[in-house]
Amino acid sequence: MPLLELKGVSKSFGGLKAVSKVSFALEEGEILGIIGPNGAGKTTLFNTITGVYQPDEGEVRFEGERLVDLKPHQICRRGLVRTFQIVKPFLQLSVLDNVIVAALNRVKTTKEAVEKASRTIELVGLKEKEATLAAGLTLPHRKRLELARALATDPRLLLLDEVMAGLTPTEVDELIRLLRTIHGHGITLLLIEHVMRGLMALSQRVVVLNYGVKIAEGVPDEVVRNTQVVEAYLGDESEGSLSEER
């Protein structure tokens, strides 16, 4: 049984079909990347998986159970959680308190939440910033805080929405190492990413969306040579550079 399975998922807004009959499966322990040009429907798909939107048709299953009609917090408690492209921590709370709020979704006491939050903060490399207000963090540190808040909910599947956006190449390399560590803790990853170097370094398979439709799926080396993908998104020059990166 796949950990996550989408069957014919569609979502429209008025006359715009943002996602159209998308299907794929994600096995436990995998790292699956989703790519596509701006407006391809990637974030809408994430919102549909995590209960922000209800699909117009199709179904989403996690561990074989249907997620349609569940609220985001109910889906989170089942072990499926996401980060957001635009990070919005509680700016006037410390790093520790931000993560405690997330941990309270899964534990019963404040003491347990503090312990879980502290361990998670150390995992993402923010231990020295534990008492710092979120408002005082740099973008790379805010990205790590976003990861910590998601991890504090004990996910089995973590959805990452452009977690590398806005980072320098060195910061991207550091984040790749962190995500590999997180994956090594038994957490399956599904990521949307425009930083192709990072996505290609991490992904075992890639799904490509264009105008809400899945146009390709496969291992990264195959996908970057797919004619439809090159025409829709990557471009001839990008194809060569991505192949070399991989």
Protein backbone atom coordinates (compact mmCIF):
# COMPACT_ATOMS: atom_id res chain seq x y z
CA MET A 1 0.00 0.00 0.00
CA PRO A 2 1.42 3.41 -0.93
CA LEU A 3 1.87 5.88 1.91
CA LEU A 4 0.16 8.58 -0.19
CA GLU A 5 -2.01 8.00 -3.25
CA LEU A 6 -3.76 10.51 -5.49
CA LYS A 7 -6.36 9.29 -8.00
CA GLY A 8 -7.71 11.71 -10.60
CA VAL A 9 -7.53 14.77 -8.35
CA SER A 10 -8.95 17.98 -9.87
CA LYS A 11 -9.51 21.47 -8.44
CA SER A 12 -10.99 24.49 -10.21
CA PHE A 13 -11.46 28.12 -9.27
CA GLY A 14 -14.28 29.53 -11.35
CA GLY A 15 -13.37 28.76 -14.96
CA LEU A 16 -9.71 28.04 -14.15
CA LYS A 17 -8.78 24.38 -13.71
CA ALA A 18 -5.74 24.65 -11.45
CA VAL A 19 -5.29 20.87 -11.08
CA SER A 20 -6.69 18.38 -13.59
CA LYS A 21 -6.97 14.63 -12.98
CA VAL A 22 -3.59 14.26 -11.28
CA SER A 23 -2.65 10.77 -10.13
CA PHE A 24 0.51 9.42 -8.52
CA ALA A 25 1.58 7.29 -5.57
CA LEU A 26 4.33 7.83 -3.01
CA GLU A 27 5.86 4.90 -1.18
CA GLU A 28 6.98 5.13 2.42
CA GLY A 29 10.65 6.15 2.62
CA GLU A 30 10.72 7.85 -0.79
CA ILE A 31 11.70 11.40 -1.71
CA LEU A 32 9.45 12.62 -4.52
CA GLY A 33 9.91 16.01 -6.19
CA ILE A 34 7.24 18.04 -7.98
CA ILE A 35 8.30 20.59 -10.57
CA GLY A 36 6.58 22.81 -13.10
CA PRO A 37 6.44 26.43 -14.23
CA ASN A 38 4.76 29.14 -12.16
CA GLY A 39 1.02 28.62 -12.22
CA ALA A 40 1.32 24.89 -12.93
CA GLY A 41 -0.86 24.00 -9.93
CA LYS A 42 1.83 22.71 -7.58
CA THR A 43 0.81 24.61 -4.44
CA THR A 44 -2.89 24.08 -5.21
CA LEU A 45 -2.11 20.36 -5.25
CA PHE A 46 -0.41 20.62 -1.84
CA ASN A 47 -3.40 22.55 -0.50
CA THR A 48 -5.72 19.83 -1.78
CA ILE A 49 -3.65 17.04 -0.22
CA THR A 50 -3.53 18.77 3.18
CA GLY A 51 -7.19 19.75 3.45
CA VAL A 52 -6.91 23.49 2.76
CA TYR A 53 -9.02 22.84 -0.36
CA GLN A 54 -11.40 19.99 -1.07
CA PRO A 55 -10.95 18.41 -4.52
CA ASP A 56 -13.76 18.82 -7.04
CA GLU A 57 -13.18 15.22 -8.10
CA GLY A 58 -10.83 12.37 -7.36
CA GLU A 59 -9.50 11.21 -4.03
CA VAL A 60 -6.49 11.49 -1.76
CA ARG A 61 -5.53 8.53 0.43
CA PHE A 62 -2.95 8.44 3.20
CA GLU A 63 -2.08 4.97 4.51
CA GLY A 64 -5.11 3.75 2.58
CA GLU A 65 -7.54 6.09 4.33
CA ARG A 66 -9.43 8.81 2.45
CA LEU A 67 -8.51 12.37 3.46
CA VAL A 68 -11.37 14.11 1.65
CA ASP A 69 -13.57 16.11 4.08
CA LEU A 70 -10.90 16.11 6.81
CA LYS A 71 -9.66 19.46 8.17
CA PRO A 72 -5.94 20.36 8.00
CA HIS A 73 -5.41 19.83 11.75
CA GLN A 74 -7.01 16.37 11.53
CA ILE A 75 -4.74 15.44 8.62
CA CYS A 76 -1.74 16.74 10.57
CA ARG A 77 -2.59 14.47 13.49
CA ARG A 78 -2.58 11.51 11.14
CA GLY A 79 1.07 12.23 10.34
CA LEU A 80 0.88 14.29 7.14
CA VAL A 81 2.12 17.86 7.50
CA ARG A 82 3.46 20.63 5.28
CA THR A 83 5.62 23.72 5.28
CA PHE A 84 4.69 26.90 3.42
CA GLN A 85 6.48 28.79 0.69
CA ILE A 86 6.07 32.07 2.61
CA VAL A 87 7.08 31.33 6.18
CA LYS A 88 4.94 32.97 8.85
CA PRO A 89 6.20 32.19 12.34
CA PHE A 90 4.75 33.87 15.41
CA LEU A 91 7.11 36.83 15.21
CA GLN A 92 6.84 37.92 18.84
CA LEU A 93 7.41 34.43 20.21
CA SER A 94 10.81 32.85 20.70
CA VAL A 95 12.04 30.01 18.51
CA LEU A 96 11.35 27.62 21.38
CA ASP A 97 7.81 28.88 21.94
CA ASN A 98 7.04 28.68 18.21
CA VAL A 99 7.96 25.00 18.19
CA ILE A 100 6.18 24.31 21.49
CA VAL A 101 2.94 25.49 19.86
CA ALA A 102 3.42 22.88 17.12
CA ALA A 103 4.42 20.14 19.55
CA LEU A 104 1.22 20.64 21.57
CA ASN A 105 -0.65 19.23 18.57
CA ARG A 106 0.79 15.81 19.44
CA VAL A 107 1.59 15.72 23.16
CA LYS A 108 -0.57 16.21 26.23
CA THR A 109 1.54 18.30 28.60
CA THR A 110 3.60 21.46 28.38
CA LYS A 111 6.59 19.59 29.81
CA GLU A 112 6.47 17.06 26.99
CA ALA A 113 6.05 19.85 24.44
CA VAL A 114 9.11 21.71 25.76
CA GLU A 115 11.22 18.56 25.61
CA LYS A 116 10.05 17.70 22.08
CA ALA A 117 10.53 21.29 20.90
CA SER A 118 14.05 21.47 22.31
CA ARG A 119 15.09 18.20 20.61
CA THR A 120 13.61 19.33 17.31
CA ILE A 121 15.31 22.74 17.46
CA GLU A 122 18.64 21.00 18.00
CA LEU A 123 18.00 18.70 15.02
CA VAL A 124 17.47 21.64 12.63
CA GLY A 125 20.54 23.51 13.93
CA LEU A 126 18.83 26.34 15.81
CA LYS A 127 19.85 25.47 19.37
CA GLU A 128 21.81 28.71 19.78
CA LYS A 129 18.72 30.67 18.63
CA GLU A 130 16.29 28.93 20.97
CA ALA A 131 15.55 32.08 23.00
CA THR A 132 15.61 34.47 20.02
CA LEU A 133 12.36 36.06 18.87
CA ALA A 134 11.30 34.80 15.46
CA ALA A 135 11.20 38.42 14.27
CA GLY A 136 14.97 38.58 14.70
CA LEU A 137 15.78 35.55 12.54
CA THR A 138 17.33 35.68 9.09
CA LEU A 139 15.48 34.01 6.20
CA PRO A 140 17.60 30.82 6.36
CA HIS A 141 16.90 30.53 10.08
CA ARG A 142 13.19 31.16 9.54
CA LYS A 143 13.19 28.35 6.99
CA ARG A 144 14.71 26.05 9.60
CA LEU A 145 12.16 27.20 12.16
CA GLU A 146 9.40 26.34 9.68
CA LEU A 147 10.91 22.86 9.39
CA ALA A 148 11.14 22.53 13.17
CA ARG A 149 7.50 23.44 13.62
CA ALA A 150 6.47 20.80 11.08
CA LEU A 151 8.76 18.15 12.56
CA ALA A 152 7.44 18.76 16.07
CA THR A 153 4.10 17.30 14.95
CA ASP A 154 5.73 13.88 14.37
CA PRO A 155 5.05 13.57 10.64
CA ARG A 156 5.40 10.36 8.67
CA LEU A 157 5.11 12.39 5.47
CA LEU A 158 6.50 15.93 5.18
CA LEU A 159 5.44 18.18 2.30
CA LEU A 160 7.95 20.95 1.57
CA ASP A 161 6.81 23.95 -0.49
CA GLU A 162 9.89 25.68 -1.97
CA VAL A 163 11.88 25.38 1.22
CA MET A 164 15.08 26.41 -0.62
CA ALA A 165 13.67 29.57 -2.21
CA GLY A 166 15.74 32.69 -1.50
CA LEU A 167 18.77 30.82 -0.15
CA THR A 168 22.37 31.17 -1.30
CA PRO A 169 24.12 28.15 -2.88
CA THR A 170 25.95 27.48 0.40
CA GLU A 171 22.69 27.66 2.36
CA VAL A 172 21.06 25.33 -0.18
CA ASP A 173 23.86 22.78 0.35
CA GLU A 174 23.39 23.00 4.12
CA LEU A 175 19.65 22.49 3.77
CA ILE A 176 20.15 19.49 1.48
CA ARG A 177 22.25 17.88 4.21
CA LEU A 178 19.57 18.66 6.81
CA LEU A 179 16.79 17.21 4.66
CA ARG A 180 18.83 14.05 4.14
CA THR A 181 19.19 13.79 7.92
CA ILE A 182 15.44 14.26 8.36
CA HIS A 183 14.81 11.60 5.72
CA GLY A 184 17.24 9.35 7.58
CA HIS A 185 14.97 9.60 10.63
CA GLY A 186 12.31 7.71 8.69
CA ILE A 187 10.31 10.64 7.32
CA THR A 188 9.06 10.43 3.74
CA LEU A 189 9.46 13.67 1.75
CA LEU A 190 7.35 15.26 -0.98
CA LEU A 191 8.80 18.55 -2.20
CA ILE A 192 7.93 21.34 -4.58
CA GLU A 193 11.11 23.13 -5.58
CA HIS A 194 12.34 25.64 -8.15
CA VAL A 195 15.96 25.36 -6.97
CA MET A 196 16.70 22.56 -9.37
CA ARG A 197 20.12 21.74 -7.95
CA GLY A 198 18.55 20.94 -4.61
CA LEU A 199 15.63 19.03 -6.04
CA MET A 200 17.80 16.92 -8.32
CA ALA A 201 20.20 16.14 -5.48
CA LEU A 202 17.39 14.87 -3.25
CA SER A 203 14.62 13.41 -5.40
CA GLN A 204 14.43 9.73 -6.23
CA ARG A 205 11.48 10.38 -8.57
CA VAL A 206 10.03 13.53 -10.10
CA VAL A 207 6.48 14.45 -11.14
CA VAL A 208 6.08 17.33 -13.60
CA LEU A 209 2.96 19.51 -13.78
CA ASN A 210 2.04 21.98 -16.52
CA TYR A 211 -1.25 23.90 -16.56
CA GLY A 212 -2.49 21.61 -13.80
CA VAL A 213 -1.84 18.41 -15.75
CA LYS A 214 0.79 15.78 -15.00
CA ILE A 215 2.94 15.62 -18.12
CA ALA A 216 5.78 13.39 -16.90
CA GLU A 217 6.87 11.14 -14.06
CA GLY A 218 10.07 9.21 -13.55
CA VAL A 219 13.60 9.27 -12.23
CA PRO A 220 15.29 12.68 -12.54
CA ASP A 221 17.67 11.71 -15.37
CA GLU A 222 14.73 10.57 -17.51
CA VAL A 223 12.53 13.56 -16.71
CA VAL A 224 15.10 16.20 -17.67
CA ARG A 225 15.43 14.58 -21.10
CA ASN A 226 11.67 14.40 -21.67
CA THR A 227 10.78 16.58 -24.67
CA GLN A 228 7.50 17.79 -23.14
CA VAL A 229 9.26 18.82 -19.94
CA VAL A 230 12.02 20.65 -21.79
CA GLU A 231 9.50 22.57 -23.87
CA ALA A 232 7.16 23.35 -20.98
CA TYR A 233 9.61 24.26 -18.28
CA LEU A 234 13.30 23.54 -18.37
CA GLY A 235 14.59 24.81 -21.73
CA ASP A 236 17.44 23.29 -23.70
CA GLU A 237 20.22 24.93 -21.66
CA SER A 238 18.65 23.85 -18.36
CA GLU A 239 18.38 20.27 -19.56
CA GLY A 240 22.14 20.02 -19.97
CA SER A 241 22.97 21.68 -16.68
CA LEU A 242 20.48 19.51 -14.78
CA SER A 243 21.88 16.33 -16.27
CA GLU A 244 25.35 17.35 -15.17
CA GLU A 245 24.07 18.24 -11.68
CA ARG A 246 22.55 14.83 -11.23
